[in-house]
Amino acid sequence: MSKLDDVLISNDPAHKIEIYLDCGVYWKQVNPQLPATLHDIYLQYPNAVMIYVIVDGFMSGVIYRCGNYGDGEWQQYAVTQGMA
């Protein structure tokens, strides 16, 4: 298991959650039932080429990505700050 598998993704008033599947030729936005861990999200979409989980807060956020380094292997892809 990845050290990020237990990261809990949940809906709350301070964060907007977006989850996308990279299906090879196109991206598809999905809406799994939250709260869920990153591992739970992977288990729901094991056939996706890659999974992106975007946790966007008002002044900061984080993007997680799964599939770049093997099946079920999560990485913290980016940290964001400030308003776009």
PDB file of N, CA and C in Angstrom:
ATOM      1  N   MET A   1       0.828  -1.189   0.000  1.00  0.00           N
ATOM      2  CA  MET A   1       0.000   0.000   0.000  1.00  0.00           C
ATOM      3  C   MET A   1       0.876   1.258   0.000  1.00  0.00           C
ATOM      4  N   SER A   2       0.424   2.278  -0.682  1.00  0.00           N
ATOM      5  CA  SER A   2       1.107   3.561  -0.734  1.00  0.00           C
ATOM      6  C   SER A   2       0.900   4.308   0.573  1.00  0.00           C
ATOM      7  N   LYS A   3       1.828   5.176   0.920  1.00  0.00           N
ATOM      8  CA  LYS A   3       1.677   5.967   2.138  1.00  0.00           C
ATOM      9  C   LYS A   3       0.518   6.955   2.019  1.00  0.00           C
ATOM     10  N   LEU A   4       0.030   7.224   0.826  1.00  0.00           N
ATOM     11  CA  LEU A   4      -1.096   8.135   0.632  1.00  0.00           C
ATOM     12  C   LEU A   4      -2.446   7.419   0.591  1.00  0.00           C
ATOM     13  N   ASP A   5      -2.453   6.097   0.613  1.00  0.00           N
ATOM     14  CA  ASP A   5      -3.700   5.339   0.513  1.00  0.00           C
ATOM     15  C   ASP A   5      -4.741   5.748   1.540  1.00  0.00           C
ATOM     16  N   ASP A   6      -4.308   6.143   2.734  1.00  0.00           N
ATOM     17  CA  ASP A   6      -5.231   6.455   3.815  1.00  0.00           C
ATOM     18  C   ASP A   6      -5.669   7.918   3.848  1.00  0.00           C
ATOM     19  N   VAL A   7      -5.244   8.729   2.882  1.00  0.00           N
ATOM     20  CA  VAL A   7      -5.679  10.125   2.845  1.00  0.00           C
ATOM     21  C   VAL A   7      -7.185  10.142   2.605  1.00  0.00           C
ATOM     22  N   LEU A   8      -7.908  10.818   3.508  1.00  0.00           N
ATOM     23  CA  LEU A   8      -9.360  10.882   3.414  1.00  0.00           C
ATOM     24  C   LEU A   8      -9.776  12.089   2.589  1.00  0.00           C
ATOM     25  N   ILE A   9     -10.598  11.851   1.577  1.00  0.00           N
ATOM     26  CA  ILE A   9     -11.138  12.905   0.728  1.00  0.00           C
ATOM     27  C   ILE A   9     -12.604  13.052   1.118  1.00  0.00           C
ATOM     28  N   SER A  10     -12.980  14.232   1.567  1.00  0.00           N
ATOM     29  CA  SER A  10     -14.366  14.425   2.000  1.00  0.00           C
ATOM     30  C   SER A  10     -14.871  15.788   1.566  1.00  0.00           C
ATOM     31  N   ASN A  11     -16.162  15.855   1.364  1.00  0.00           N
ATOM     32  CA  ASN A  11     -16.798  17.132   1.046  1.00  0.00           C
ATOM     33  C   ASN A  11     -16.890  17.958   2.313  1.00  0.00           C
ATOM     34  N   ASP A  12     -16.474  19.191   2.235  1.00  0.00           N
ATOM     35  CA  ASP A  12     -16.664  20.120   3.334  1.00  0.00           C
ATOM     36  C   ASP A  12     -16.802  21.514   2.726  1.00  0.00           C
ATOM     37  N   PRO A  13     -17.310  22.465   3.479  1.00  0.00           N
ATOM     38  CA  PRO A  13     -17.550  23.798   2.910  1.00  0.00           C
ATOM     39  C   PRO A  13     -16.284  24.524   2.433  1.00  0.00           C
ATOM     40  N   ALA A  14     -15.127  24.135   2.920  1.00  0.00           N
ATOM     41  CA  ALA A  14     -13.894  24.853   2.587  1.00  0.00           C
ATOM     42  C   ALA A  14     -13.181  24.319   1.342  1.00  0.00           C
ATOM     43  N   HIS A  15     -13.616  23.179   0.814  1.00  0.00           N
ATOM     44  CA  HIS A  15     -12.906  22.575  -0.317  1.00  0.00           C
ATOM     45  C   HIS A  15     -13.870  22.115  -1.410  1.00  0.00           C
ATOM     46  N   LYS A  16     -13.441  22.292  -2.627  1.00  0.00           N
ATOM     47  CA  LYS A  16     -14.156  21.759  -3.784  1.00  0.00           C
ATOM     48  C   LYS A  16     -13.379  20.527  -4.237  1.00  0.00           C
ATOM     49  N   ILE A  17     -14.058  19.424  -4.397  1.00  0.00           N
ATOM     50  CA  ILE A  17     -13.424  18.176  -4.804  1.00  0.00           C
ATOM     51  C   ILE A  17     -13.822  17.866  -6.242  1.00  0.00           C
ATOM     52  N   GLU A  18     -12.836  17.609  -7.080  1.00  0.00           N
ATOM     53  CA  GLU A  18     -13.079  17.160  -8.454  1.00  0.00           C
ATOM     54  C   GLU A  18     -12.223  15.933  -8.696  1.00  0.00           C
ATOM     55  N   ILE A  19     -12.826  14.923  -9.322  1.00  0.00           N
ATOM     56  CA  ILE A  19     -12.101  13.681  -9.599  1.00  0.00           C
ATOM     57  C   ILE A  19     -12.269  13.357 -11.077  1.00  0.00           C
ATOM     58  N   TYR A  20     -11.128  13.117 -11.744  1.00  0.00           N
ATOM     59  CA  TYR A  20     -11.122  12.832 -13.177  1.00  0.00           C
ATOM     60  C   TYR A  20     -10.401  11.524 -13.445  1.00  0.00           C
ATOM     61  N   LEU A  21     -10.917  10.793 -14.428  1.00  0.00           N
ATOM     62  CA  LEU A  21     -10.260   9.579 -14.909  1.00  0.00           C
ATOM     63  C   LEU A  21      -9.627   9.895 -16.247  1.00  0.00           C
ATOM     64  N   ASP A  22      -8.366   9.568 -16.405  1.00  0.00           N
ATOM     65  CA  ASP A  22      -7.691   9.659 -17.690  1.00  0.00           C
ATOM     66  C   ASP A  22      -7.949   8.323 -18.375  1.00  0.00           C
ATOM     67  N   CYS A  23      -8.776   8.351 -19.400  1.00  0.00           N
ATOM     68  CA  CYS A  23      -9.170   7.124 -20.088  1.00  0.00           C
ATOM     69  C   CYS A  23      -8.355   6.888 -21.350  1.00  0.00           C
ATOM     70  N   GLY A  24      -7.217   7.520 -21.463  1.00  0.00           N
ATOM     71  CA  GLY A  24      -6.339   7.319 -22.615  1.00  0.00           C
ATOM     72  C   GLY A  24      -6.540   8.359 -23.683  1.00  0.00           C
ATOM     73  N   VAL A  25      -7.758   8.486 -24.198  1.00  0.00           N
ATOM     74  CA  VAL A  25      -8.046   9.421 -25.267  1.00  0.00           C
ATOM     75  C   VAL A  25      -8.793  10.650 -24.738  1.00  0.00           C
ATOM     76  N   TYR A  26      -9.445  10.523 -23.609  1.00  0.00           N
ATOM     77  CA  TYR A  26     -10.242  11.612 -23.045  1.00  0.00           C
ATOM     78  C   TYR A  26     -10.224  11.522 -21.515  1.00  0.00           C
ATOM     79  N   TRP A  27     -10.630  12.606 -20.880  1.00  0.00           N
ATOM     80  CA  TRP A  27     -10.787  12.634 -19.425  1.00  0.00           C
ATOM     81  C   TRP A  27     -12.277  12.603 -19.109  1.00  0.00           C
ATOM     82  N   LYS A  28     -12.606  11.922 -18.037  1.00  0.00           N
ATOM     83  CA  LYS A  28     -14.006  11.812 -17.627  1.00  0.00           C
ATOM     84  C   LYS A  28     -14.106  12.215 -16.162  1.00  0.00           C
ATOM     85  N   GLN A  29     -14.980  13.178 -15.872  1.00  0.00           N
ATOM     86  CA  GLN A  29     -15.197  13.555 -14.477  1.00  0.00           C
ATOM     87  C   GLN A  29     -16.140  12.548 -13.840  1.00  0.00           C
ATOM     88  N   VAL A  30     -15.822  12.118 -12.619  1.00  0.00           N
ATOM     89  CA  VAL A  30     -16.650  11.161 -11.893  1.00  0.00           C
ATOM     90  C   VAL A  30     -16.968  11.738 -10.516  1.00  0.00           C
ATOM     91  N   ASN A  31     -17.989  11.185  -9.899  1.00  0.00           N
ATOM     92  CA  ASN A  31     -18.439  11.661  -8.596  1.00  0.00           C
ATOM     93  C   ASN A  31     -18.645  10.496  -7.650  1.00  0.00           C
ATOM     94  N   PRO A  32     -17.570   9.920  -7.137  1.00  0.00           N
ATOM     95  CA  PRO A  32     -17.738   8.811  -6.196  1.00  0.00           C
ATOM     96  C   PRO A  32     -18.331   9.316  -4.888  1.00  0.00           C
ATOM     97  N   GLN A  33     -18.924   8.407  -4.158  1.00  0.00           N
ATOM     98  CA  GLN A  33     -19.478   8.778  -2.866  1.00  0.00           C
ATOM     99  C   GLN A  33     -18.344   9.127  -1.907  1.00  0.00           C
ATOM    100  N   LEU A  34     -18.441  10.295  -1.309  1.00  0.00           N
ATOM    101  CA  LEU A  34     -17.436  10.758  -0.362  1.00  0.00           C
ATOM    102  C   LEU A  34     -18.076  10.877   1.014  1.00  0.00           C
ATOM    103  N   PRO A  35     -17.341  10.713   2.076  1.00  0.00           N
ATOM    104  CA  PRO A  35     -15.905  10.600   2.189  1.00  0.00           C
ATOM    105  C   PRO A  35     -15.401   9.235   1.754  1.00  0.00           C
ATOM    106  N   ALA A  36     -14.185   9.230   1.243  1.00  0.00           N
ATOM    107  CA  ALA A  36     -13.508   8.002   0.822  1.00  0.00           C
ATOM    108  C   ALA A  36     -12.009   8.243   0.877  1.00  0.00           C
ATOM    109  N   THR A  37     -11.256   7.201   1.138  1.00  0.00           N
ATOM    110  CA  THR A  37      -9.806   7.318   1.088  1.00  0.00           C
ATOM    111  C   THR A  37      -9.362   7.260  -0.375  1.00  0.00           C
ATOM    112  N   LEU A  38      -8.133   7.675  -0.637  1.00  0.00           N
ATOM    113  CA  LEU A  38      -7.604   7.553  -1.998  1.00  0.00           C
ATOM    114  C   LEU A  38      -7.624   6.098  -2.455  1.00  0.00           C
ATOM    115  N   HIS A  39      -7.332   5.171  -1.550  1.00  0.00           N
ATOM    116  CA  HIS A  39      -7.370   3.750  -1.907  1.00  0.00           C
ATOM    117  C   HIS A  39      -8.783   3.330  -2.299  1.00  0.00           C
ATOM    118  N   ASP A  40      -9.783   3.796  -1.558  1.00  0.00           N
ATOM    119  CA  ASP A  40     -11.178   3.483  -1.897  1.00  0.00           C
ATOM    120  C   ASP A  40     -11.536   4.007  -3.279  1.00  0.00           C
ATOM    121  N   ILE A  41     -11.051   5.202  -3.597  1.00  0.00           N
ATOM    122  CA  ILE A  41     -11.330   5.783  -4.917  1.00  0.00           C
ATOM    123  C   ILE A  41     -10.677   4.938  -6.002  1.00  0.00           C
ATOM    124  N   TYR A  42      -9.436   4.521  -5.785  1.00  0.00           N
ATOM    125  CA  TYR A  42      -8.766   3.651  -6.762  1.00  0.00           C
ATOM    126  C   TYR A  42      -9.561   2.365  -6.975  1.00  0.00           C
ATOM    127  N   LEU A  43     -10.049   1.761  -5.906  1.00  0.00           N
ATOM    128  CA  LEU A  43     -10.797   0.503  -6.025  1.00  0.00           C
ATOM    129  C   LEU A  43     -12.068   0.664  -6.848  1.00  0.00           C
ATOM    130  N   GLN A  44     -12.635   1.869  -6.880  1.00  0.00           N
ATOM    131  CA  GLN A  44     -13.842   2.108  -7.678  1.00  0.00           C
ATOM    132  C   GLN A  44     -13.538   2.244  -9.168  1.00  0.00           C
ATOM    133  N   TYR A  45     -12.295   2.609  -9.521  1.00  0.00           N
ATOM    134  CA  TYR A  45     -11.934   2.864 -10.920  1.00  0.00           C
ATOM    135  C   TYR A  45     -10.604   2.205 -11.279  1.00  0.00           C
ATOM    136  N   PRO A  46     -10.452   0.906 -11.070  1.00  0.00           N
ATOM    137  CA  PRO A  46      -9.153   0.258 -11.283  1.00  0.00           C
ATOM    138  C   PRO A  46      -8.719   0.191 -12.749  1.00  0.00           C
ATOM    139  N   ASN A  47      -9.623   0.400 -13.688  1.00  0.00           N
ATOM    140  CA  ASN A  47      -9.271   0.295 -15.102  1.00  0.00           C
ATOM    141  C   ASN A  47      -8.885   1.627 -15.743  1.00  0.00           C
ATOM    142  N   ALA A  48      -8.945   2.704 -14.977  1.00  0.00           N
ATOM    143  CA  ALA A  48      -8.550   4.011 -15.520  1.00  0.00           C
ATOM    144  C   ALA A  48      -7.043   4.032 -15.745  1.00  0.00           C
ATOM    145  N   VAL A  49      -6.607   4.708 -16.792  1.00  0.00           N
ATOM    146  CA  VAL A  49      -5.182   4.857 -17.039  1.00  0.00           C
ATOM    147  C   VAL A  49      -4.557   5.622 -15.873  1.00  0.00           C
ATOM    148  N   MET A  50      -5.175   6.737 -15.504  1.00  0.00           N
ATOM    149  CA  MET A  50      -4.749   7.508 -14.335  1.00  0.00           C
ATOM    150  C   MET A  50      -5.978   8.136 -13.700  1.00  0.00           C
ATOM    151  N   ILE A  51      -5.873   8.404 -12.403  1.00  0.00           N
ATOM    152  CA  ILE A  51      -6.933   9.061 -11.649  1.00  0.00           C
ATOM    153  C   ILE A  51      -6.342  10.336 -11.054  1.00  0.00           C
ATOM    154  N   TYR A  52      -7.053  11.434 -11.213  1.00  0.00           N
ATOM    155  CA  TYR A  52      -6.650  12.698 -10.620  1.00  0.00           C
ATOM    156  C   TYR A  52      -7.707  13.126  -9.608  1.00  0.00           C
ATOM    157  N   VAL A  53      -7.276  13.459  -8.404  1.00  0.00           N
ATOM    158  CA  VAL A  53      -8.158  13.964  -7.357  1.00  0.00           C
ATOM    159  C   VAL A  53      -7.684  15.378  -7.040  1.00  0.00           C
ATOM    160  N   ILE A  54      -8.548  16.346  -7.272  1.00  0.00           N
ATOM    161  CA  ILE A  54      -8.219  17.749  -7.045  1.00  0.00           C
ATOM    162  C   ILE A  54      -8.996  18.233  -5.825  1.00  0.00           C
ATOM    163  N   VAL A  55      -8.262  18.645  -4.811  1.00  0.00           N
ATOM    164  CA  VAL A  55      -8.851  19.183  -3.587  1.00  0.00           C
ATOM    165  C   VAL A  55      -8.519  20.670  -3.588  1.00  0.00           C
ATOM    166  N   ASP A  56      -9.504  21.495  -3.921  1.00  0.00           N
ATOM    167  CA  ASP A  56      -9.268  22.925  -4.118  1.00  0.00           C
ATOM    168  C   ASP A  56      -9.879  23.724  -2.981  1.00  0.00           C
ATOM    169  N   GLY A  57      -9.036  24.350  -2.185  1.00  0.00           N
ATOM    170  CA  GLY A  57      -9.487  25.247  -1.133  1.00  0.00           C
ATOM    171  C   GLY A  57      -9.450  26.674  -1.633  1.00  0.00           C
ATOM    172  N   PHE A  58      -9.917  27.591  -0.830  1.00  0.00           N
ATOM    173  CA  PHE A  58      -9.982  28.990  -1.250  1.00  0.00           C
ATOM    174  C   PHE A  58      -8.596  29.547  -1.553  1.00  0.00           C
ATOM    175  N   MET A  59      -7.626  29.266  -0.693  1.00  0.00           N
ATOM    176  CA  MET A  59      -6.291  29.812  -0.890  1.00  0.00           C
ATOM    177  C   MET A  59      -5.205  28.749  -1.027  1.00  0.00           C
ATOM    178  N   SER A  60      -5.584  27.497  -1.005  1.00  0.00           N
ATOM    179  CA  SER A  60      -4.596  26.429  -1.173  1.00  0.00           C
ATOM    180  C   SER A  60      -5.309  25.148  -1.598  1.00  0.00           C
ATOM    181  N   GLY A  61      -4.542  24.226  -2.106  1.00  0.00           N
ATOM    182  CA  GLY A  61      -5.125  22.958  -2.529  1.00  0.00           C
ATOM    183  C   GLY A  61      -4.042  21.940  -2.810  1.00  0.00           C
ATOM    184  N   VAL A  62      -4.482  20.763  -3.204  1.00  0.00           N
ATOM    185  CA  VAL A  62      -3.552  19.687  -3.515  1.00  0.00           C
ATOM    186  C   VAL A  62      -4.157  18.838  -4.626  1.00  0.00           C
ATOM    187  N   ILE A  63      -3.288  18.285  -5.466  1.00  0.00           N
ATOM    188  CA  ILE A  63      -3.715  17.383  -6.528  1.00  0.00           C
ATOM    189  C   ILE A  63      -3.002  16.059  -6.307  1.00  0.00           C
ATOM    190  N   TYR A  64      -3.790  14.987  -6.251  1.00  0.00           N
ATOM    191  CA  TYR A  64      -3.248  13.642  -6.133  1.00  0.00           C
ATOM    192  C   TYR A  64      -3.431  12.939  -7.471  1.00  0.00           C
ATOM    193  N   ARG A  65      -2.487  12.062  -7.793  1.00  0.00           N
ATOM    194  CA  ARG A  65      -2.556  11.316  -9.057  1.00  0.00           C
ATOM    195  C   ARG A  65      -2.222   9.857  -8.780  1.00  0.00           C
ATOM    196  N   CYS A  66      -2.948   8.972  -9.440  1.00  0.00           N
ATOM    197  CA  CYS A  66      -2.728   7.538  -9.292  1.00  0.00           C
ATOM    198  C   CYS A  66      -2.563   6.917 -10.672  1.00  0.00           C
ATOM    199  N   GLY A  67      -1.602   6.007 -10.797  1.00  0.00           N
ATOM    200  CA  GLY A  67      -1.446   5.263 -12.041  1.00  0.00           C
ATOM    201  C   GLY A  67      -0.183   5.565 -12.809  1.00  0.00           C
ATOM    202  N   ASN A  68       0.528   6.609 -12.464  1.00  0.00           N
ATOM    203  CA  ASN A  68       1.736   6.959 -13.185  1.00  0.00           C
ATOM    204  C   ASN A  68       2.891   6.017 -12.847  1.00  0.00           C
ATOM    205  N   TYR A  69       2.914   5.513 -11.618  1.00  0.00           N
ATOM    206  CA  TYR A  69       4.004   4.643 -11.166  1.00  0.00           C
ATOM    207  C   TYR A  69       3.525   3.229 -10.860  1.00  0.00           C
ATOM    208  N   GLY A  70       2.421   2.821 -11.453  1.00  0.00           N
ATOM    209  CA  GLY A  70       1.902   1.479 -11.237  1.00  0.00           C
ATOM    210  C   GLY A  70       0.482   1.507 -10.708  1.00  0.00           C
ATOM    211  N   ASP A  71      -0.171   0.382 -10.799  1.00  0.00           N
ATOM    212  CA  ASP A  71      -1.556   0.269 -10.360  1.00  0.00           C
ATOM    213  C   ASP A  71      -1.686   0.565  -8.877  1.00  0.00           C
ATOM    214  N   GLY A  72      -2.597   1.463  -8.546  1.00  0.00           N
ATOM    215  CA  GLY A  72      -2.881   1.777  -7.162  1.00  0.00           C
ATOM    216  C   GLY A  72      -1.842   2.601  -6.447  1.00  0.00           C
ATOM    217  N   GLU A  73      -0.839   3.086  -7.160  1.00  0.00           N
ATOM    218  CA  GLU A  73       0.250   3.854  -6.538  1.00  0.00           C
ATOM    219  C   GLU A  73      -0.067   5.344  -6.640  1.00  0.00           C
ATOM    220  N   TRP A  74      -0.380   5.973  -5.506  1.00  0.00           N
ATOM    221  CA  TRP A  74      -0.730   7.387  -5.451  1.00  0.00           C
ATOM    222  C   TRP A  74       0.500   8.253  -5.246  1.00  0.00           C
ATOM    223  N   GLN A  75       0.461   9.459  -5.786  1.00  0.00           N
ATOM    224  CA  GLN A  75       1.493  10.448  -5.511  1.00  0.00           C
ATOM    225  C   GLN A  75       0.811  11.799  -5.319  1.00  0.00           C
ATOM    226  N   GLN A  76       1.416  12.646  -4.513  1.00  0.00           N
ATOM    227  CA  GLN A  76       0.954  14.019  -4.403  1.00  0.00           C
ATOM    228  C   GLN A  76       1.564  14.743  -5.590  1.00  0.00           C
ATOM    229  N   TYR A  77       0.755  15.055  -6.558  1.00  0.00           N
ATOM    230  CA  TYR A  77       1.201  15.571  -7.846  1.00  0.00           C
ATOM    231  C   TYR A  77       1.543  17.056  -7.775  1.00  0.00           C
ATOM    232  N   ALA A  78       0.737  17.829  -7.025  1.00  0.00           N
ATOM    233  CA  ALA A  78       0.966  19.269  -6.957  1.00  0.00           C
ATOM    234  C   ALA A  78       0.320  19.857  -5.709  1.00  0.00           C
ATOM    235  N   VAL A  79       0.881  20.975  -5.260  1.00  0.00           N
ATOM    236  CA  VAL A  79       0.310  21.773  -4.186  1.00  0.00           C
ATOM    237  C   VAL A  79       0.047  23.152  -4.784  1.00  0.00           C
ATOM    238  N   THR A  80      -1.144  23.677  -4.553  1.00  0.00           N
ATOM    239  CA  THR A  80      -1.499  24.978  -5.104  1.00  0.00           C
ATOM    240  C   THR A  80      -1.679  25.976  -3.982  1.00  0.00           C
ATOM    241  N   GLN A  81      -1.492  27.236  -4.302  1.00  0.00           N
ATOM    242  CA  GLN A  81      -1.747  28.289  -3.322  1.00  0.00           C
ATOM    243  C   GLN A  81      -2.167  29.555  -4.041  1.00  0.00           C
ATOM    244  N   GLY A  82      -2.998  30.326  -3.394  1.00  0.00           N
ATOM    245  CA  GLY A  82      -3.487  31.561  -3.970  1.00  0.00           C
ATOM    246  C   GLY A  82      -4.687  31.334  -4.868  1.00  0.00           C
ATOM    247  N   MET A  83      -5.198  32.394  -5.374  1.00  0.00           N
ATOM    248  CA  MET A  83      -6.390  32.336  -6.243  1.00  0.00           C
ATOM    249  C   MET A  83      -5.957  32.446  -7.699  1.00  0.00           C
ATOM    250  N   ALA A  84      -6.615  31.680  -8.544  1.00  0.00           N
ATOM    251  CA  ALA A  84      -6.297  31.731  -9.978  1.00  0.00           C
ATOM    252  C   ALA A  84      -7.078  32.835 -10.650  1.00  0.00           C
TER     253      ALA A  84
END
